[in-house]
């Protein structure tokens, strides 16, 4: 299933990736902010067993990576305490 990052902060980086042919990916330039957002996305998705799309949706609501981490931690705690 393809990733569907559409909103901030991923839309800009993902849009560049999506528009570029695969053989040109090595030449793509990402800014520091783009890399930071994508690293946080991957970390949070793997840490909490979420899809990147689910994490991106939370970020798209305007939550910072720290706020997303707190929300996912609370959700995970609620599930394990049942």
N, C-alpha and C. Protein backbone atom coordinates (compact mmCIF):
# COMPACT_ATOMS: atom_id res chain seq x y z
N UNK A 1 0.85 -1.17 0.00
CA UNK A 1 0.00 0.00 0.00
C UNK A 1 0.90 1.24 0.00
N UNK A 2 0.72 2.15 -0.94
CA UNK A 2 1.56 3.35 -0.98
C UNK A 2 1.25 4.29 0.16
N UNK A 3 2.27 5.02 0.58
CA UNK A 3 2.08 6.01 1.64
C UNK A 3 1.34 7.20 1.06
N UNK A 4 0.53 7.85 1.90
CA UNK A 4 -0.28 8.96 1.43
C UNK A 4 -0.02 10.22 2.24
N UNK A 5 1.23 10.64 2.35
CA UNK A 5 1.53 11.86 3.09
C UNK A 5 1.06 13.04 2.25
N UNK A 6 0.12 13.77 2.74
CA UNK A 6 -0.40 14.88 1.96
C UNK A 6 -0.22 16.23 2.64
N UNK A 7 -0.18 16.25 3.93
CA UNK A 7 -0.14 17.53 4.63
C UNK A 7 1.21 17.79 5.28
N UNK A 8 1.29 18.92 5.92
CA UNK A 8 2.53 19.27 6.60
C UNK A 8 2.80 18.28 7.73
N UNK A 9 3.99 18.04 8.05
CA UNK A 9 5.21 18.56 7.46
C UNK A 9 5.77 17.68 6.36
N UNK A 10 5.06 16.63 5.98
CA UNK A 10 5.62 15.65 5.05
C UNK A 10 5.32 15.94 3.59
N UNK A 11 4.31 16.70 3.30
CA UNK A 11 3.88 16.91 1.93
C UNK A 11 4.97 17.40 1.01
N UNK A 12 5.78 18.32 1.47
CA UNK A 12 6.83 18.89 0.63
C UNK A 12 7.87 17.84 0.25
N UNK A 13 8.40 17.12 1.22
CA UNK A 13 9.42 16.10 0.94
C UNK A 13 8.82 14.96 0.13
N UNK A 14 7.66 14.50 0.52
CA UNK A 14 7.04 13.38 -0.18
C UNK A 14 6.65 13.78 -1.60
N UNK A 15 6.20 14.99 -1.79
CA UNK A 15 5.83 15.46 -3.12
C UNK A 15 7.02 15.43 -4.06
N UNK A 16 8.18 15.83 -3.57
CA UNK A 16 9.39 15.78 -4.40
C UNK A 16 9.74 14.34 -4.75
N UNK A 17 9.66 13.46 -3.77
CA UNK A 17 9.96 12.05 -3.99
C UNK A 17 8.99 11.43 -4.99
N UNK A 18 7.72 11.71 -4.83
CA UNK A 18 6.68 11.11 -5.67
C UNK A 18 6.81 11.55 -7.13
N UNK A 19 7.19 12.80 -7.37
CA UNK A 19 7.27 13.33 -8.72
C UNK A 19 8.54 12.91 -9.45
N UNK A 20 9.53 12.42 -8.72
CA UNK A 20 10.83 12.12 -9.32
C UNK A 20 10.93 10.64 -9.67
N UNK A 21 11.39 10.30 -10.87
CA UNK A 21 11.59 8.88 -11.22
C UNK A 21 12.59 8.23 -10.25
N UNK A 22 12.37 6.97 -9.97
CA UNK A 22 13.18 6.24 -8.99
C UNK A 22 14.68 6.36 -9.26
N UNK A 23 15.07 6.31 -10.53
CA UNK A 23 16.50 6.37 -10.84
C UNK A 23 17.12 7.73 -10.51
N UNK A 24 16.31 8.71 -10.20
CA UNK A 24 16.82 10.03 -9.84
C UNK A 24 16.76 10.31 -8.33
N UNK A 25 16.31 9.35 -7.56
CA UNK A 25 16.17 9.56 -6.12
C UNK A 25 17.50 9.93 -5.46
N UNK A 26 18.59 9.39 -5.97
CA UNK A 26 19.90 9.70 -5.38
C UNK A 26 20.24 11.18 -5.51
N UNK A 27 19.66 11.84 -6.47
CA UNK A 27 19.96 13.24 -6.72
C UNK A 27 19.02 14.19 -5.98
N UNK A 28 18.03 13.65 -5.29
CA UNK A 28 17.05 14.49 -4.61
C UNK A 28 17.71 15.15 -3.39
N UNK A 29 17.46 16.41 -3.23
CA UNK A 29 17.99 17.15 -2.08
C UNK A 29 16.86 17.44 -1.10
N UNK A 30 17.09 17.04 0.13
CA UNK A 30 16.14 17.32 1.21
C UNK A 30 16.81 18.28 2.18
N UNK A 31 16.04 19.20 2.69
CA UNK A 31 16.55 20.12 3.69
C UNK A 31 16.61 19.46 5.06
N UNK A 32 17.26 20.12 5.98
CA UNK A 32 17.37 19.59 7.34
C UNK A 32 16.00 19.32 7.96
N UNK A 33 15.06 20.25 7.78
CA UNK A 33 13.72 20.06 8.34
C UNK A 33 13.04 18.84 7.74
N UNK A 34 13.18 18.63 6.43
CA UNK A 34 12.58 17.47 5.78
C UNK A 34 13.13 16.18 6.39
N UNK A 35 14.44 16.12 6.56
CA UNK A 35 15.07 14.93 7.12
C UNK A 35 14.63 14.71 8.55
N UNK A 36 14.59 15.76 9.33
CA UNK A 36 14.14 15.65 10.72
C UNK A 36 12.72 15.09 10.80
N UNK A 37 11.82 15.61 9.98
CA UNK A 37 10.44 15.15 9.99
C UNK A 37 10.33 13.68 9.58
N UNK A 38 11.08 13.29 8.57
CA UNK A 38 11.01 11.90 8.10
C UNK A 38 11.62 10.93 9.10
N UNK A 39 12.70 11.33 9.77
CA UNK A 39 13.30 10.48 10.82
C UNK A 39 12.33 10.32 11.97
N UNK A 40 11.71 11.42 12.40
CA UNK A 40 10.71 11.33 13.48
C UNK A 40 9.54 10.45 13.08
N UNK A 41 9.11 10.57 11.84
CA UNK A 41 8.01 9.74 11.34
C UNK A 41 8.37 8.26 11.46
N UNK A 42 9.52 7.91 10.95
CA UNK A 42 9.92 6.50 10.98
C UNK A 42 10.07 6.00 12.41
N UNK A 43 10.72 6.79 13.26
CA UNK A 43 10.90 6.38 14.65
C UNK A 43 9.56 6.15 15.34
N UNK A 44 8.66 7.10 15.24
CA UNK A 44 7.37 6.99 15.92
C UNK A 44 6.54 5.83 15.38
N UNK A 45 6.55 5.63 14.07
CA UNK A 45 5.79 4.53 13.48
C UNK A 45 6.33 3.19 13.97
N UNK A 46 7.65 3.03 13.97
CA UNK A 46 8.24 1.76 14.41
C UNK A 46 8.09 1.57 15.92
N UNK A 47 8.30 2.63 16.68
CA UNK A 47 8.25 2.54 18.15
C UNK A 47 6.88 2.11 18.65
N UNK A 48 5.83 2.62 18.01
CA UNK A 48 4.48 2.35 18.49
C UNK A 48 3.69 1.40 17.59
N UNK A 49 4.36 0.79 16.60
CA UNK A 49 3.68 -0.18 15.75
C UNK A 49 2.57 0.43 14.91
N UNK A 50 2.75 1.67 14.51
CA UNK A 50 1.76 2.38 13.71
C UNK A 50 2.23 2.44 12.26
N UNK A 51 1.31 2.69 11.36
CA UNK A 51 1.71 2.93 9.98
C UNK A 51 2.25 4.35 9.87
N UNK A 52 3.15 4.58 8.93
CA UNK A 52 3.60 5.95 8.72
C UNK A 52 2.43 6.89 8.41
N UNK A 53 1.42 6.39 7.70
CA UNK A 53 0.25 7.23 7.41
C UNK A 53 -0.47 7.66 8.68
N UNK A 54 -0.57 6.77 9.66
CA UNK A 54 -1.25 7.12 10.91
C UNK A 54 -0.49 8.21 11.66
N UNK A 55 0.83 8.08 11.69
CA UNK A 55 1.65 9.09 12.36
C UNK A 55 1.57 10.41 11.59
N UNK A 56 1.64 10.34 10.26
CA UNK A 56 1.56 11.55 9.43
C UNK A 56 0.21 12.25 9.63
N UNK A 57 -0.84 11.47 9.81
CA UNK A 57 -2.17 12.08 10.03
C UNK A 57 -2.18 12.88 11.33
N UNK A 58 -1.54 12.36 12.37
CA UNK A 58 -1.46 13.10 13.63
C UNK A 58 -0.65 14.38 13.46
N UNK A 59 0.47 14.28 12.75
CA UNK A 59 1.28 15.48 12.50
C UNK A 59 0.50 16.47 11.64
N UNK A 60 -0.29 15.96 10.70
CA UNK A 60 -1.09 16.82 9.84
C UNK A 60 -2.16 17.60 10.59
N UNK A 61 -2.52 17.11 11.79
CA UNK A 61 -3.47 17.84 12.64
C UNK A 61 -2.79 18.98 13.39
N UNK A 62 -1.49 19.14 13.16
CA UNK A 62 -0.77 20.23 13.79
C UNK A 62 -0.01 19.85 15.05
N UNK A 63 0.01 18.56 15.38
CA UNK A 63 0.74 18.12 16.56
C UNK A 63 2.23 18.04 16.25
N UNK A 64 3.05 18.41 17.20
CA UNK A 64 4.50 18.27 17.04
C UNK A 64 4.87 16.80 17.23
N UNK A 65 6.10 16.46 16.88
CA UNK A 65 6.56 15.08 17.07
C UNK A 65 6.49 14.69 18.55
N UNK A 66 6.81 15.63 19.43
CA UNK A 66 6.75 15.37 20.87
C UNK A 66 5.31 15.10 21.30
N UNK A 67 4.37 15.88 20.79
CA UNK A 67 2.96 15.67 21.12
C UNK A 67 2.45 14.34 20.56
N UNK A 68 2.87 13.99 19.35
CA UNK A 68 2.47 12.71 18.77
C UNK A 68 3.01 11.57 19.63
N UNK A 69 4.26 11.69 20.06
CA UNK A 69 4.85 10.67 20.93
C UNK A 69 4.02 10.50 22.19
N UNK A 70 3.64 11.60 22.82
CA UNK A 70 2.83 11.54 24.05
C UNK A 70 1.48 10.89 23.79
N UNK A 71 0.85 11.26 22.69
CA UNK A 71 -0.47 10.69 22.38
C UNK A 71 -0.37 9.19 22.10
N UNK A 72 0.63 8.78 21.35
CA UNK A 72 0.78 7.36 21.05
C UNK A 72 1.16 6.57 22.30
N UNK A 73 1.96 7.16 23.17
CA UNK A 73 2.33 6.49 24.43
C UNK A 73 1.10 6.29 25.30
N UNK A 74 0.24 7.34 25.37
CA UNK A 74 -1.00 7.22 26.15
C UNK A 74 -1.90 6.14 25.56
N UNK A 75 -2.01 6.11 24.25
CA UNK A 75 -2.85 5.10 23.58
C UNK A 75 -2.34 3.70 23.85
N UNK A 76 -1.02 3.55 23.78
CA UNK A 76 -0.42 2.23 24.02
C UNK A 76 -0.62 1.81 25.48
N UNK A 77 -0.47 2.75 26.42
CA UNK A 77 -0.69 2.46 27.82
C UNK A 77 -2.13 2.06 28.10
N UNK A 78 -3.06 2.75 27.46
CA UNK A 78 -4.48 2.42 27.65
C UNK A 78 -4.78 1.02 27.15
N UNK A 79 -4.16 0.63 26.04
CA UNK A 79 -4.40 -0.71 25.49
C UNK A 79 -3.78 -1.80 26.35
N UNK A 80 -2.58 -1.56 26.90
CA UNK A 80 -1.91 -2.58 27.70
C UNK A 80 -2.47 -2.69 29.10
N UNK A 81 -3.17 -1.68 29.59
CA UNK A 81 -3.72 -1.73 30.95
C UNK A 81 -5.08 -2.45 30.99
N UNK A 82 -5.59 -2.82 29.84
CA UNK A 82 -6.90 -3.51 29.83
C UNK A 82 -6.77 -4.94 30.18
